[in-house]
Amino acid sequence: MSAMRDKYEPFLFEAVNIQIMGPLPGKMWDIPTVFTLMEGDVKTKEMVQQSLSVLQSSSRTNAPFKVLTTSGKKYINSFHFAFLFEDDAQMTTEISTAIYQDLIEYDIIDTNGALKENPRNRKIHIDIIWQKYLNDRLQSGRKNATPFGVSKQMMQLLNKEELEDANSIWLIEELNVAWDQHEITAEHFDEVIAFFFDNIGPLTVQTPLS
């Protein structure tokens, strides 16, 4: 982390939240760090714990560290996507229920909403589902149709490849989060923010030039 800060000075980050990866063996850094690990991601948890054991016993750094672990696998219900994208008028309770039924029909979840296996193994069927709802939006003829969860303002910031990804990740990534293995999550983020405030120096607010 010190090398990164020197290379990209001025380094704008005073603390970091790291997910879906562990520190490289033997690497030292001196910036407050909170790791958010998924309960099902055994390999990453082991990497982080081993590296932190080395860091905590070293005199070369005194940076604070914290490890947060998610609560485990999640269930998908008929209102799941309506709740997730409640700010997106395109995602109605009817569409959310239809997606839920599709996931059951393709044997991705059971009738209780539990994923039957790692969704990364079911890419073909998951692709069929998100493409179905992409086609529905395109065929609706609405000029303001956007990928679920993506505002028109956000679309202006995305490049072509990111826009293409946005058509699918609303479903793919959410199922990965529900499987609770090696994925980015918002779980515990209030604790992440609290860690930041507890461990960074006073923030300097710069007044814009008039």
Protein backbone atom coordinates (compact mmCIF):
# COMPACT_ATOMS: atom_id res chain seq x y z
CA MET A 1 0.00 0.00 0.00
CA SER A 2 2.89 2.36 0.70
CA ALA A 3 4.31 1.70 -2.76
CA MET A 4 0.90 2.43 -4.30
CA ARG A 5 0.62 5.66 -2.36
CA ASP A 6 4.10 6.75 -3.48
CA LYS A 7 3.38 5.85 -7.11
CA TYR A 8 0.03 7.64 -7.29
CA GLU A 9 0.72 10.55 -4.94
CA PRO A 10 -1.33 12.35 -3.83
CA PHE A 11 -3.08 9.16 -2.67
CA LEU A 12 -6.71 10.04 -1.94
CA PHE A 13 -7.67 7.08 0.22
CA GLU A 14 -7.16 7.19 3.97
CA ALA A 15 -8.76 3.77 4.58
CA VAL A 16 -9.99 0.90 2.42
CA ASN A 17 -12.65 -1.80 2.45
CA ILE A 18 -11.43 -4.92 0.64
CA GLN A 19 -13.80 -7.62 -0.61
CA ILE A 20 -13.39 -10.78 -2.74
CA MET A 21 -9.61 -10.85 -2.33
CA GLY A 22 -6.95 -11.39 0.28
CA PRO A 23 -3.62 -9.59 0.75
CA LEU A 24 -0.69 -10.99 -1.15
CA PRO A 25 1.58 -13.14 1.06
CA GLY A 26 4.49 -11.18 2.50
CA LYS A 27 3.11 -7.77 1.53
CA MET A 28 2.95 -5.00 4.13
CA TRP A 29 0.80 -1.88 4.14
CA ASP A 30 0.12 0.93 6.56
CA ILE A 31 -3.40 2.08 5.81
CA PRO A 32 -6.48 1.23 7.93
CA THR A 33 -8.19 -1.72 6.26
CA VAL A 34 -11.47 -3.53 6.84
CA PHE A 35 -12.05 -6.85 5.06
CA THR A 36 -15.61 -7.93 4.29
CA LEU A 37 -15.54 -11.66 3.70
CA MET A 38 -18.31 -13.97 2.59
CA GLU A 39 -19.05 -16.88 4.90
CA GLY A 40 -18.95 -19.32 1.98
CA ASP A 41 -15.66 -18.02 0.56
CA VAL A 42 -13.35 -20.32 2.53
CA LYS A 43 -10.24 -19.72 0.43
CA THR A 44 -10.32 -15.94 0.75
CA LYS A 45 -11.07 -16.14 4.48
CA GLU A 46 -8.01 -18.34 4.98
CA MET A 47 -5.80 -15.98 2.95
CA VAL A 48 -6.91 -12.96 4.95
CA GLN A 49 -6.55 -14.63 8.35
CA GLN A 50 -3.06 -15.93 7.55
CA SER A 51 -1.86 -12.57 6.29
CA LEU A 52 -3.35 -10.66 9.20
CA SER A 53 -1.64 -13.00 11.65
CA VAL A 54 1.69 -12.03 10.07
CA LEU A 55 0.82 -8.33 10.07
CA GLN A 56 -0.31 -8.33 13.69
CA SER A 57 2.95 -9.89 14.83
CA SER A 58 5.10 -7.53 12.78
CA SER A 59 6.72 -4.34 14.02
CA ARG A 60 6.75 -2.92 10.49
CA THR A 61 3.15 -1.72 10.59
CA ASN A 62 0.68 -0.56 13.20
CA ALA A 63 -2.23 0.03 10.84
CA PRO A 64 -5.61 -1.05 12.27
CA PHE A 65 -7.44 -3.95 10.60
CA LYS A 66 -10.89 -5.42 10.98
CA VAL A 67 -12.55 -8.51 9.51
CA LEU A 68 -16.31 -8.69 8.93
CA THR A 69 -18.04 -11.89 7.79
CA THR A 70 -21.41 -12.10 6.06
CA SER A 71 -24.36 -13.98 7.52
CA GLY A 72 -24.41 -16.83 5.00
CA LYS A 73 -26.61 -17.85 2.08
CA LYS A 74 -29.69 -15.76 1.34
CA TYR A 75 -33.15 -16.72 0.09
CA ILE A 76 -34.88 -15.30 -2.99
CA ASN A 77 -38.60 -14.57 -2.65
CA SER A 78 -41.19 -13.21 -5.06
CA PHE A 79 -40.67 -9.62 -3.82
CA HIS A 80 -36.87 -9.83 -3.79
CA PHE A 81 -36.15 -7.78 -6.91
CA ALA A 82 -38.97 -5.30 -6.30
CA PHE A 83 -37.43 -4.54 -2.90
CA LEU A 84 -33.88 -4.50 -4.29
CA PHE A 85 -34.75 -2.05 -7.07
CA GLU A 86 -37.51 -0.14 -5.28
CA ASP A 87 -36.29 3.13 -6.82
CA ASP A 88 -36.63 1.75 -10.36
CA ALA A 89 -40.18 2.17 -11.68
CA GLN A 90 -39.46 -0.48 -14.33
CA MET A 91 -39.21 -3.19 -11.66
CA THR A 92 -42.78 -3.88 -10.57
CA THR A 93 -43.94 -6.51 -8.10
CA GLU A 94 -45.39 -8.41 -11.08
CA ILE A 95 -42.01 -8.51 -12.82
CA SER A 96 -40.24 -9.45 -9.59
CA THR A 97 -42.69 -12.34 -9.11
CA ALA A 98 -42.21 -13.43 -12.73
CA ILE A 99 -38.42 -13.51 -12.28
CA TYR A 100 -38.86 -15.56 -9.11
CA GLN A 101 -41.07 -18.04 -10.99
CA ASP A 102 -38.51 -18.25 -13.81
CA LEU A 103 -35.77 -19.09 -11.30
CA ILE A 104 -37.93 -21.92 -9.97
CA GLU A 105 -38.85 -23.13 -13.47
CA TYR A 106 -35.19 -23.37 -14.49
CA ASP A 107 -34.41 -25.21 -11.23
CA ILE A 108 -32.03 -22.48 -10.02
CA ILE A 109 -33.90 -22.05 -6.72
CA ASP A 110 -36.30 -24.33 -4.89
CA THR A 111 -39.84 -23.37 -3.88
CA ASN A 112 -38.50 -21.98 -0.61
CA GLY A 113 -36.22 -19.61 -2.52
CA ALA A 114 -32.93 -21.34 -1.70
CA LEU A 115 -30.33 -21.60 -4.45
CA LYS A 116 -29.77 -25.24 -5.40
CA GLU A 117 -26.12 -24.76 -6.37
CA ASN A 118 -23.53 -22.13 -7.19
CA PRO A 119 -25.29 -19.89 -9.76
CA ARG A 120 -22.01 -19.57 -11.66
CA ASN A 121 -22.63 -23.17 -12.72
CA ARG A 122 -26.01 -22.20 -14.21
CA LYS A 123 -24.87 -19.44 -16.53
CA ILE A 124 -26.79 -20.75 -19.57
CA HIS A 125 -30.17 -20.65 -17.82
CA ILE A 126 -29.48 -17.40 -15.98
CA ASP A 127 -28.57 -15.81 -19.32
CA ILE A 128 -31.92 -16.95 -20.73
CA ILE A 129 -33.76 -15.22 -17.88
CA TRP A 130 -32.02 -11.83 -17.97
CA GLN A 131 -32.15 -11.77 -21.78
CA LYS A 132 -35.91 -12.37 -21.58
CA TYR A 133 -36.40 -9.22 -19.51
CA LEU A 134 -33.95 -7.24 -21.63
CA ASN A 135 -36.01 -8.12 -24.71
CA ASP A 136 -39.22 -7.16 -22.90
CA ARG A 137 -37.81 -3.72 -22.11
CA LEU A 138 -36.52 -3.20 -25.64
CA GLN A 139 -39.80 -4.31 -27.21
CA SER A 140 -41.80 -2.02 -24.96
CA GLY A 141 -40.72 0.86 -27.17
CA ARG A 142 -40.03 3.12 -24.20
CA LYS A 143 -37.25 5.58 -24.93
CA ASN A 144 -36.30 5.78 -21.24
CA ALA A 145 -35.85 2.03 -20.76
CA THR A 146 -32.62 1.28 -18.89
CA PRO A 147 -31.08 -1.83 -17.31
CA PHE A 148 -32.71 -2.59 -13.96
CA GLY A 149 -31.16 -0.50 -11.20
CA VAL A 150 -29.35 1.86 -13.59
CA SER A 151 -30.55 5.45 -13.80
CA LYS A 152 -30.30 7.59 -16.92
CA GLN A 153 -27.67 9.69 -15.13
CA MET A 154 -25.60 6.62 -14.34
CA MET A 155 -25.84 5.43 -17.94
CA GLN A 156 -24.04 8.59 -19.05
CA LEU A 157 -21.01 7.54 -16.99
CA LEU A 158 -20.75 3.98 -18.36
CA ASN A 159 -18.75 2.95 -21.39
CA LYS A 160 -20.10 0.54 -24.03
CA GLU A 161 -18.79 -2.59 -22.29
CA GLU A 162 -20.14 -1.49 -18.91
CA LEU A 163 -23.55 -0.79 -20.43
CA GLU A 164 -23.63 -4.30 -21.88
CA ASP A 165 -22.70 -5.76 -18.48
CA ALA A 166 -25.44 -3.73 -16.79
CA ASN A 167 -28.06 -5.67 -18.76
CA SER A 168 -27.15 -8.86 -16.91
CA ILE A 169 -25.42 -8.10 -13.61
CA TRP A 170 -28.66 -7.05 -11.87
CA LEU A 171 -29.54 -10.76 -11.86
CA ILE A 172 -26.18 -12.55 -12.07
CA GLU A 173 -24.45 -10.63 -9.29
CA GLU A 174 -27.49 -10.71 -7.01
CA LEU A 175 -27.63 -14.50 -7.24
CA ASN A 176 -23.90 -14.65 -6.51
CA VAL A 177 -24.47 -12.52 -3.41
CA ALA A 178 -27.31 -14.84 -2.35
CA TRP A 179 -24.96 -17.82 -2.73
CA ASP A 180 -22.57 -15.95 -0.39
CA GLN A 181 -19.34 -16.89 -2.07
CA HIS A 182 -16.65 -14.57 -3.46
CA GLU A 183 -18.80 -11.59 -4.36
CA ILE A 184 -19.14 -7.90 -3.48
CA THR A 185 -21.81 -7.19 -0.87
CA ALA A 186 -23.37 -4.25 0.96
CA GLU A 187 -23.82 -6.33 4.10
CA HIS A 188 -22.11 -4.76 7.17
CA PHE A 189 -21.41 -1.56 5.25
CA ASP A 190 -22.58 0.52 8.19
CA GLU A 191 -19.78 -1.10 10.20
CA VAL A 192 -17.32 -0.37 7.40
CA ILE A 193 -18.23 3.32 7.52
CA ALA A 194 -17.93 3.33 11.32
CA PHE A 195 -14.45 1.76 11.02
CA PHE A 196 -13.43 4.50 8.60
CA PHE A 197 -14.53 7.28 10.94
CA ASP A 198 -12.82 5.60 13.89
CA ASN A 199 -9.48 5.13 12.14
CA ILE A 200 -8.81 7.97 9.72
CA GLY A 201 -7.44 11.38 10.50
CA PRO A 202 -9.46 14.58 10.43
CA LEU A 203 -10.93 15.23 7.01
CA THR A 204 -10.11 18.53 5.32
CA VAL A 205 -12.99 20.07 3.41
CA GLN A 206 -11.81 22.30 0.62
CA THR A 207 -13.96 25.24 -0.42
CA PRO A 208 -14.43 25.36 -4.22
CA LEU A 209 -12.93 28.35 -5.94
CA SER A 210 -15.54 30.87 -7.01
